[in-house]
C-alpha atoms as a PDB file:
ATOM      1  CA  MET A   1       5.539  21.508 -33.785  1.00  0.00           C
ATOM      2  CA  VAL A   2       7.495  23.078 -31.046  1.00  0.00           C
ATOM      3  CA  VAL A   3       4.440  23.193 -28.653  1.00  0.00           C
ATOM      4  CA  ALA A   4       3.804  19.502 -28.984  1.00  0.00           C
ATOM      5  CA  ALA A   5       7.361  18.579 -28.332  1.00  0.00           C
ATOM      6  CA  ASP A   6       7.543  20.927 -25.372  1.00  0.00           C
ATOM      7  CA  GLU A   7       4.290  19.144 -24.035  1.00  0.00           C
ATOM      8  CA  LYS A   8       5.597  15.604 -24.768  1.00  0.00           C
ATOM      9  CA  ALA A   9       8.928  16.762 -22.785  1.00  0.00           C
ATOM     10  CA  GLN A  10       6.840  18.026 -19.902  1.00  0.00           C
ATOM     11  CA  ALA A  11       4.775  14.745 -19.871  1.00  0.00           C
ATOM     12  CA  LYS A  12       8.007  12.712 -19.469  1.00  0.00           C
ATOM     13  CA  GLY A  13       9.325  15.121 -16.948  1.00  0.00           C
ATOM     14  CA  GLU A  14       6.083  14.732 -14.770  1.00  0.00           C
ATOM     15  CA  GLN A  15       6.358  11.039 -15.131  1.00  0.00           C
ATOM     16  CA  ALA A  16       9.951  10.753 -14.000  1.00  0.00           C
ATOM     17  CA  GLU A  17       9.261  13.306 -11.115  1.00  0.00           C
ATOM     18  CA  GLY A  18       6.400  11.168 -10.049  1.00  0.00           C
ATOM     19  CA  LYS A  19       8.107   7.884 -10.164  1.00  0.00           C
ATOM     20  CA  VAL A  20      11.083   9.259  -8.180  1.00  0.00           C
ATOM     21  CA  LYS A  21       8.748  10.715  -5.349  1.00  0.00           C
ATOM     22  CA  LYS A  22       6.623   7.289  -5.482  1.00  0.00           C
ATOM     23  CA  VAL A  23       9.845   5.328  -4.934  1.00  0.00           C
ATOM     24  CA  VAL A  24      11.247   7.409  -2.374  1.00  0.00           C
ATOM     25  CA  GLY A  25       8.015   7.862  -0.477  1.00  0.00           C
ATOM     26  CA  GLY A  26       7.566   3.945  -0.427  1.00  0.00           C
ATOM     27  CA  ALA A  27      11.303   3.488   0.709  1.00  0.00           C
ATOM     28  CA  VAL A  28      11.102   5.885   3.587  1.00  0.00           C
ATOM     29  CA  GLY A  29       7.548   5.021   4.469  1.00  0.00           C
ATOM     30  CA  ASN A  30       6.043   8.414   3.652  1.00  0.00           C
ATOM     31  CA  GLN A  31       2.647   7.671   2.299  1.00  0.00           C
ATOM     32  CA  SER A  32       1.795  11.416   1.513  1.00  0.00           C
ATOM     33  CA  LEU A  33       4.883  11.550  -0.743  1.00  0.00           C
ATOM     34  CA  LYS A  34       4.286   8.289  -2.284  1.00  0.00           C
ATOM     35  CA  ALA A  35       0.561   9.282  -3.092  1.00  0.00           C
ATOM     36  CA  GLU A  36       1.883  12.671  -4.424  1.00  0.00           C
ATOM     37  CA  GLY A  37       4.360  10.742  -6.714  1.00  0.00           C
ATOM     38  CA  GLN A  38       1.456   8.701  -7.922  1.00  0.00           C
ATOM     39  CA  ALA A  39      -0.588  11.641  -8.797  1.00  0.00           C
ATOM     40  CA  LYS A  40       2.226  13.357 -10.505  1.00  0.00           C
ATOM     41  CA  GLU A  41       3.109  10.198 -12.545  1.00  0.00           C
ATOM     42  CA  SER A  42      -0.691   9.808 -13.375  1.00  0.00           C
ATOM     43  CA  GLN A  43      -0.619  13.633 -14.531  1.00  0.00           C
ATOM     44  CA  GLY A  44       2.248  12.969 -16.856  1.00  0.00           C
ATOM     45  CA  ASP A  45       0.695   9.730 -18.191  1.00  0.00           C
ATOM     46  CA  LEU A  46      -2.488  11.753 -18.982  1.00  0.00           C
ATOM     47  CA  ARG A  47      -0.711  14.647 -20.646  1.00  0.00           C
ATOM     48  CA  GLU A  48       1.148  12.072 -22.904  1.00  0.00           C
ATOM     49  CA  ALA A  49      -2.071  10.242 -23.941  1.00  0.00           C
ATOM     50  CA  LYS A  50      -3.459  13.669 -24.793  1.00  0.00           C
ATOM     51  CA  GLU A  51      -0.434  14.375 -27.122  1.00  0.00           C
ATOM     52  CA  LYS A  52      -0.678  10.890 -28.628  1.00  0.00           C
ATOM     53  CA  ALA A  53      -4.377  11.475 -29.390  1.00  0.00           C
ATOM     54  CA  LYS A  54      -3.545  14.853 -30.907  1.00  0.00           C
ATOM     55  CA  ASP A  55      -0.986  13.311 -33.034  1.00  0.00           C
ATOM     56  CA  ALA A  56      -3.355  10.505 -34.229  1.00  0.00           C
ATOM     57  CA  VAL A  57      -5.913  12.898 -35.634  1.00  0.00           C
ATOM     58  CA  ARG A  58      -3.444  15.356 -37.047  1.00  0.00           C
ATOM     59  CA  PRO A  59      -3.223  15.101 -40.842  1.00  0.00           C
ATOM     60  CA  LYS A  60       0.269  13.650 -42.024  1.00  0.00           C
END
């Protein structure tokens, strides 16, 4: 399904963006950026978990 693939791609993008912000924030000592990255990464994790749950209940 196209929508599911789009959601999964968006989840991966959010995870990657969050990870970069978290690392950069930690490297430069910017706690706000680091926290923003952690939040974005968590948002991606939740979106990915939602998609996996939908896949698990979908008939094959």
